[in-house]
Protein backbone atom coordinates (compact mmCIF):
# COMPACT_ATOMS: atom_id res chain seq x y z
CA MET A 1 -5.05 2.51 -14.89
CA ALA A 2 -1.90 0.69 -15.95
CA LYS A 3 0.51 -0.68 -13.33
CA SER A 4 3.13 1.65 -14.83
CA ASP A 5 1.01 4.72 -14.02
CA PRO A 6 3.05 7.11 -11.82
CA LEU A 7 0.04 7.56 -9.51
CA ILE A 8 0.15 3.81 -8.81
CA ILE A 9 3.96 3.61 -8.58
CA GLY A 10 3.96 6.64 -6.24
CA ARG A 11 1.24 4.96 -4.11
CA VAL A 12 -1.08 7.96 -4.53
CA VAL A 13 -3.65 5.42 -5.68
CA GLY A 14 -4.18 3.37 -2.54
CA ASP A 15 -2.89 5.87 0.04
CA VAL A 16 -5.05 8.82 -1.05
CA ILE A 17 -7.48 7.87 -3.81
CA ASP A 18 -9.05 4.79 -5.34
CA PRO A 19 -8.18 3.67 -8.89
CA PHE A 20 -9.86 5.91 -11.47
CA SER A 21 -9.85 6.67 -15.19
CA PRO A 22 -8.58 10.20 -15.90
CA SER A 23 -11.16 11.99 -18.04
CA VAL A 24 -10.07 15.64 -17.79
CA ARG A 25 -6.66 17.24 -18.28
CA MET A 26 -5.33 19.36 -15.43
CA SER A 27 -2.12 21.38 -15.29
CA VAL A 28 -0.55 22.69 -12.08
CA THR A 29 2.11 25.41 -12.35
CA TYR A 30 4.11 27.21 -9.64
CA LYS A 31 5.37 30.42 -11.32
CA THR A 32 7.23 28.76 -14.22
CA LYS A 33 7.53 25.20 -12.87
CA GLN A 34 4.90 22.74 -14.04
CA VAL A 35 4.08 19.86 -11.70
CA TYR A 36 4.78 16.41 -13.12
CA ASN A 37 4.10 13.16 -11.26
CA GLY A 38 6.95 12.31 -8.92
CA HIS A 39 9.15 15.31 -9.76
CA GLU A 40 10.72 17.18 -6.86
CA LEU A 41 10.02 20.81 -6.03
CA PHE A 42 11.72 22.71 -3.23
CA PRO A 43 9.61 24.32 -0.47
CA SER A 44 10.94 27.72 -1.56
CA ALA A 45 9.37 27.14 -5.01
CA VAL A 46 5.90 26.34 -3.64
CA THR A 47 5.29 29.13 -1.12
CA LEU A 48 2.53 30.76 -3.18
CA LYS A 49 -0.51 28.93 -4.51
CA PRO A 50 -0.05 27.46 -7.99
CA ARG A 51 -2.13 28.12 -11.07
CA VAL A 52 -4.30 25.08 -11.66
CA GLN A 53 -5.99 24.86 -15.04
CA VAL A 54 -8.80 22.50 -16.01
CA HIS A 55 -8.58 21.59 -19.70
CA ASP A 56 -11.41 20.09 -21.74
CA GLY A 57 -13.68 19.88 -18.68
CA GLY A 58 -16.76 21.19 -20.46
CA MET A 59 -18.21 24.68 -20.12
CA LYS A 60 -21.24 23.58 -18.08
CA SER A 61 -19.28 21.45 -15.58
CA PHE A 62 -17.89 22.46 -12.20
CA PHE A 63 -14.91 20.96 -10.43
CA THR A 64 -13.40 20.71 -6.95
CA LEU A 65 -9.64 20.71 -6.41
CA VAL A 66 -8.10 19.15 -3.30
CA MET A 67 -4.41 19.42 -2.34
CA THR A 68 -3.26 17.04 0.38
CA ASP A 69 -0.13 15.59 2.00
CA PRO A 70 -0.52 11.87 2.85
CA ASP A 71 2.93 11.63 4.48
CA VAL A 72 2.40 13.37 7.84
CA PRO A 73 4.45 13.52 10.00
CA GLY A 74 6.88 11.47 7.91
CA PRO A 75 6.66 8.97 5.03
CA SER A 76 8.01 6.03 7.05
CA ASP A 77 5.21 6.36 9.64
CA PRO A 78 2.42 8.58 8.26
CA TYR A 79 0.08 8.00 11.21
CA LEU A 80 -1.43 11.50 10.85
CA ARG A 81 -2.31 10.91 7.18
CA GLU A 82 -3.60 13.20 5.50
CA HIS A 83 -2.96 16.90 6.02
CA LEU A 84 -5.13 19.18 3.89
CA HIS A 85 -3.38 22.06 2.11
CA TRP A 86 -6.03 23.58 -0.15
CA ILE A 87 -9.58 23.21 -1.50
CA VAL A 88 -11.14 25.20 -4.33
CA THR A 89 -14.71 24.40 -5.44
CA ASP A 90 -17.03 25.50 -8.25
CA ILE A 91 -14.20 25.77 -10.79
CA PRO A 92 -15.84 26.07 -14.21
CA GLY A 93 -14.54 23.54 -16.76
CA THR A 94 -11.93 24.95 -19.17
CA THR A 95 -10.83 27.68 -16.68
CA ASP A 96 -8.51 27.78 -13.66
CA THR A 97 -8.80 27.97 -9.85
CA THR A 98 -9.02 31.78 -9.85
CA PHE A 99 -12.59 31.33 -11.20
CA GLY A 100 -13.53 28.96 -8.37
CA LYS A 101 -14.35 29.45 -4.71
CA GLU A 102 -11.52 28.87 -2.22
CA ILE A 103 -13.14 27.13 0.77
CA VAL A 104 -9.83 26.14 2.44
CA SER A 105 -6.99 28.63 1.92
CA TYR A 106 -3.65 27.54 0.45
CA GLU A 107 -1.09 26.38 3.00
CA MET A 108 2.45 26.04 1.70
CA PRO A 109 4.21 22.67 2.06
CA ARG A 110 6.60 22.49 5.02
CA PRO A 111 7.79 18.89 5.23
CA ASN A 112 9.98 18.18 8.28
CA ILE A 113 10.93 14.50 7.99
CA GLY A 114 11.69 12.72 4.72
CA ILE A 115 10.25 13.21 1.24
CA HIS A 116 6.54 14.05 1.23
CA ARG A 117 4.08 13.67 -1.64
CA PHE A 118 1.81 16.63 -2.30
CA VAL A 119 -1.20 15.53 -4.31
CA PHE A 120 -3.63 17.59 -6.38
CA ILE A 121 -6.91 15.76 -7.00
CA LEU A 122 -9.65 17.06 -9.27
CA PHE A 123 -13.27 15.95 -8.87
CA LYS A 124 -16.29 16.74 -11.03
CA GLN A 125 -19.15 18.19 -8.99
CA LYS A 126 -22.76 17.11 -9.48
CA ARG A 127 -23.82 20.76 -9.24
CA ARG A 128 -22.45 24.16 -8.31
CA GLY A 129 -22.34 25.15 -4.63
CA SER A 130 -22.67 21.57 -3.41
CA VAL A 131 -19.32 21.14 -1.59
CA ALA A 132 -18.88 21.89 2.11
CA PRO A 133 -15.50 22.58 3.77
CA PRO A 134 -14.15 19.93 6.15
CA CYS A 135 -13.91 20.58 9.93
CA SER A 136 -10.12 20.36 10.02
CA ARG A 137 -6.95 20.23 7.92
CA ASP A 138 -5.52 17.51 10.16
CA GLY A 139 -6.68 13.92 9.80
CA PHE A 140 -8.26 14.77 6.43
CA CYS A 141 -9.35 11.90 4.20
CA THR A 142 -9.78 12.64 0.49
CA ASN A 143 -12.00 9.59 -0.07
CA LYS A 144 -14.34 10.44 2.84
CA PHE A 145 -14.50 14.08 1.71
CA ALA A 146 -15.44 12.93 -1.81
CA GLN A 147 -18.14 10.60 -0.43
CA LEU A 148 -19.65 13.24 1.88
CA ASN A 149 -19.86 15.73 -1.00
CA GLU A 150 -21.03 13.18 -3.61
CA LEU A 151 -18.00 13.82 -5.82
CA GLY A 152 -17.42 10.24 -6.93
CA LEU A 153 -14.02 9.18 -8.26
CA PRO A 154 -11.40 11.75 -9.30
CA VAL A 155 -11.23 12.90 -12.92
CA ALA A 156 -7.55 13.96 -12.73
CA ALA A 157 -4.65 13.87 -10.28
CA VAL A 158 -0.97 14.85 -10.17
CA PHE A 159 1.63 14.90 -7.39
CA PHE A 160 5.07 16.24 -6.62
CA ASN A 161 7.66 15.31 -4.03
CA CYS A 162 9.03 17.83 -1.57
CA GLN A 163 11.51 17.68 1.30
CA ARG A 164 12.99 20.12 3.74
CA GLU A 165 15.64 22.37 2.22
CA THR A 166 19.01 22.50 3.85
CA ALA A 167 21.21 25.58 3.48
CA ALA A 168 23.48 23.61 1.12
CA ARG A 169 20.58 22.71 -1.17
CA ARG A 170 19.41 26.32 -1.48
CA ARG A 171 22.54 27.45 -3.31
């Protein structure tokens, strides 16, 4: 990964995941808005789960998607890091999350203090049906979850920024 990589600049690498080499393309889309690293989306735009597509992942491969917020309760003092928002397992390569198994239901982002990062991390599974749900959404750790489920390093990741909407910003 180059130092100019948005995942490094945005401190996703380090705070959430270890350095990795992306090997699969993943696209995340909320209705018509595609998620790009570091772009801002309003909470009102992310109330329903996004469509997450795995591109060129290979027909015989299965993937796990994790969505997490490493900035809880606020980015200046994220002592509750991380809060888990979503897990889908057994996603066949070259399809999307609707073909996988949702083991932790989607929870919409509701940041209270500051600008939060919401990170989508894709892992390649060793085999189908091999990923167990965590005990809790709070105090989640993506790296520990990956170790416990033998997922190895991520194969793709993308994040967006989100902050509380004020009435003035909703216009």
